[in-house]
């Protein structure tokens, strides 16, 4: 899944990059978040990443979505407050949503 353009919204190249990807779907435009980690996972990286992510969602008014491709990603996804939304078994993924208040 993913035919949109991934746009970096937080770049800390030595540590991580957070991207947004807008995808037009039958229910409208959905914004997916992706994160690439480029360093060893530590408590400090976790704290920095959570702070950057919280800063990002303060500017949002619509939900964010993310994809889970394997079980290993689930702890990471839930750490940021995403909840299971629906499965796409034909693609081997689950879609999670973060409602913005």
C-alpha atoms as a PDB file:
ATOM      1  CA  UNK A   1       0.000   0.000   0.000  1.00  0.00           C
ATOM      2  CA  UNK A   2       1.159   3.492  -0.567  1.00  0.00           C
ATOM      3  CA  UNK A   3       1.054   5.352  -3.826  1.00  0.00           C
ATOM      4  CA  UNK A   4       1.409   8.831  -2.394  1.00  0.00           C
ATOM      5  CA  UNK A   5       4.472  10.955  -1.871  1.00  0.00           C
ATOM      6  CA  UNK A   6       6.187  10.557   1.501  1.00  0.00           C
ATOM      7  CA  UNK A   7       7.052  14.054   2.740  1.00  0.00           C
ATOM      8  CA  UNK A   8       9.554  14.446   5.593  1.00  0.00           C
ATOM      9  CA  UNK A   9       8.017  16.528   8.388  1.00  0.00           C
ATOM     10  CA  UNK A  10      10.686  15.968  11.077  1.00  0.00           C
ATOM     11  CA  UNK A  11      14.251  15.285   9.993  1.00  0.00           C
ATOM     12  CA  UNK A  12      16.923  14.252  12.446  1.00  0.00           C
ATOM     13  CA  UNK A  13      18.993  12.260   9.927  1.00  0.00           C
ATOM     14  CA  UNK A  14      21.363  10.753  12.471  1.00  0.00           C
ATOM     15  CA  UNK A  15      18.423   9.531  14.572  1.00  0.00           C
ATOM     16  CA  UNK A  16      15.087   9.362  12.727  1.00  0.00           C
ATOM     17  CA  UNK A  17      12.863  10.871  10.062  1.00  0.00           C
ATOM     18  CA  UNK A  18       9.077  11.195  10.359  1.00  0.00           C
ATOM     19  CA  UNK A  19       7.109  11.374   7.111  1.00  0.00           C
ATOM     20  CA  UNK A  20       3.501  12.146   6.186  1.00  0.00           C
ATOM     21  CA  UNK A  21       1.920  10.481   3.156  1.00  0.00           C
ATOM     22  CA  UNK A  22      -1.473  11.575   1.860  1.00  0.00           C
ATOM     23  CA  UNK A  23      -3.507   8.895   0.105  1.00  0.00           C
ATOM     24  CA  UNK A  24      -6.821   9.458  -1.618  1.00  0.00           C
ATOM     25  CA  UNK A  25      -9.222   6.670  -0.620  1.00  0.00           C
ATOM     26  CA  UNK A  26     -12.935   5.952  -1.067  1.00  0.00           C
ATOM     27  CA  UNK A  27     -13.533   7.660   2.307  1.00  0.00           C
ATOM     28  CA  UNK A  28     -11.456  10.721   1.368  1.00  0.00           C
ATOM     29  CA  UNK A  29      -7.895  11.840   1.936  1.00  0.00           C
ATOM     30  CA  UNK A  30      -6.104   9.851   4.629  1.00  0.00           C
ATOM     31  CA  UNK A  31      -2.775  11.028   6.043  1.00  0.00           C
ATOM     32  CA  UNK A  32      -0.414   8.203   6.981  1.00  0.00           C
ATOM     33  CA  UNK A  33       2.618   8.658   9.205  1.00  0.00           C
ATOM     34  CA  UNK A  34       5.859   6.736   8.677  1.00  0.00           C
ATOM     35  CA  UNK A  35       8.997   6.759  10.787  1.00  0.00           C
ATOM     36  CA  UNK A  36      12.462   5.527   9.876  1.00  0.00           C
ATOM     37  CA  UNK A  37      14.824   4.964  12.803  1.00  0.00           C
ATOM     38  CA  UNK A  38      18.522   5.371  11.886  1.00  0.00           C
ATOM     39  CA  UNK A  39      20.138   4.689  15.249  1.00  0.00           C
ATOM     40  CA  UNK A  40      20.046   2.362  18.211  1.00  0.00           C
ATOM     41  CA  UNK A  41      16.745   2.599  20.106  1.00  0.00           C
ATOM     42  CA  UNK A  42      17.382   4.195  23.509  1.00  0.00           C
ATOM     43  CA  UNK A  43      15.266   5.895  26.159  1.00  0.00           C
ATOM     44  CA  UNK A  44      16.603   9.264  24.966  1.00  0.00           C
ATOM     45  CA  UNK A  45      15.648   8.569  21.322  1.00  0.00           C
ATOM     46  CA  UNK A  46      12.210   7.426  22.497  1.00  0.00           C
ATOM     47  CA  UNK A  47      11.758  10.649  24.503  1.00  0.00           C
ATOM     48  CA  UNK A  48      12.894  12.859  21.590  1.00  0.00           C
ATOM     49  CA  UNK A  49      10.715  11.041  19.081  1.00  0.00           C
ATOM     50  CA  UNK A  50       7.641  11.228  21.322  1.00  0.00           C
ATOM     51  CA  UNK A  51       8.211  14.981  21.839  1.00  0.00           C
ATOM     52  CA  UNK A  52       8.547  15.570  18.080  1.00  0.00           C
ATOM     53  CA  UNK A  53       5.461  13.462  17.395  1.00  0.00           C
ATOM     54  CA  UNK A  54       3.403  15.355  19.992  1.00  0.00           C
ATOM     55  CA  UNK A  55       4.496  18.618  18.370  1.00  0.00           C
ATOM     56  CA  UNK A  56       3.309  17.316  14.987  1.00  0.00           C
ATOM     57  CA  UNK A  57      -0.145  16.276  16.169  1.00  0.00           C
ATOM     58  CA  UNK A  58      -0.766  19.640  17.879  1.00  0.00           C
ATOM     59  CA  UNK A  59      -0.994  21.168  14.397  1.00  0.00           C
ATOM     60  CA  UNK A  60      -3.463  18.533  13.130  1.00  0.00           C
ATOM     61  CA  UNK A  61      -7.236  18.588  13.165  1.00  0.00           C
ATOM     62  CA  UNK A  62      -7.880  15.354  11.292  1.00  0.00           C
ATOM     63  CA  UNK A  63      -6.892  11.785  12.195  1.00  0.00           C
ATOM     64  CA  UNK A  64      -3.534  10.263  11.373  1.00  0.00           C
ATOM     65  CA  UNK A  65      -3.164   6.676  10.202  1.00  0.00           C
ATOM     66  CA  UNK A  66      -0.349   4.169  10.200  1.00  0.00           C
ATOM     67  CA  UNK A  67       0.178   0.679   8.850  1.00  0.00           C
ATOM     68  CA  UNK A  68       1.290  -2.398  10.756  1.00  0.00           C
ATOM     69  CA  UNK A  69       3.076  -4.885   8.540  1.00  0.00           C
ATOM     70  CA  UNK A  70       4.182  -7.238  11.322  1.00  0.00           C
ATOM     71  CA  UNK A  71       3.657  -7.930  15.039  1.00  0.00           C
ATOM     72  CA  UNK A  72       6.978  -6.310  15.946  1.00  0.00           C
ATOM     73  CA  UNK A  73       5.616  -2.874  14.966  1.00  0.00           C
ATOM     74  CA  UNK A  74       2.528  -3.059  17.188  1.00  0.00           C
ATOM     75  CA  UNK A  75       4.213  -2.010  20.465  1.00  0.00           C
ATOM     76  CA  UNK A  76       5.757   0.973  18.686  1.00  0.00           C
ATOM     77  CA  UNK A  77       2.424   1.956  17.099  1.00  0.00           C
ATOM     78  CA  UNK A  78       0.492   1.746  20.370  1.00  0.00           C
ATOM     79  CA  UNK A  79       3.200   3.713  22.205  1.00  0.00           C
ATOM     80  CA  UNK A  80       2.127   6.741  20.157  1.00  0.00           C
ATOM     81  CA  UNK A  81      -1.577   6.253  20.872  1.00  0.00           C
ATOM     82  CA  UNK A  82      -2.740   4.607  17.649  1.00  0.00           C
ATOM     83  CA  UNK A  83      -5.660   2.176  17.872  1.00  0.00           C
ATOM     84  CA  UNK A  84      -6.568  -0.660  15.506  1.00  0.00           C
ATOM     85  CA  UNK A  85      -9.032   0.493  12.845  1.00  0.00           C
ATOM     86  CA  UNK A  86      -9.306  -2.304  10.265  1.00  0.00           C
ATOM     87  CA  UNK A  87      -7.422  -5.138   8.567  1.00  0.00           C
ATOM     88  CA  UNK A  88      -6.466  -5.439   4.911  1.00  0.00           C
ATOM     89  CA  UNK A  89      -5.561  -9.139   4.691  1.00  0.00           C
ATOM     90  CA  UNK A  90      -5.235  -8.958   0.911  1.00  0.00           C
ATOM     91  CA  UNK A  91      -2.264  -6.620   1.487  1.00  0.00           C
ATOM     92  CA  UNK A  92      -1.019  -8.295   4.680  1.00  0.00           C
ATOM     93  CA  UNK A  93      -1.437  -5.124   6.750  1.00  0.00           C
ATOM     94  CA  UNK A  94      -3.536  -3.630   9.508  1.00  0.00           C
ATOM     95  CA  UNK A  95      -4.519   0.034   9.567  1.00  0.00           C
ATOM     96  CA  UNK A  96      -4.337   1.973  12.834  1.00  0.00           C
ATOM     97  CA  UNK A  97      -5.830   5.386  13.578  1.00  0.00           C
ATOM     98  CA  UNK A  98      -4.926   8.227  15.904  1.00  0.00           C
ATOM     99  CA  UNK A  99      -7.949  10.424  16.518  1.00  0.00           C
ATOM    100  CA  UNK A 100      -7.014  14.096  16.937  1.00  0.00           C
ATOM    101  CA  UNK A 101      -8.971  15.998  19.564  1.00  0.00           C
END
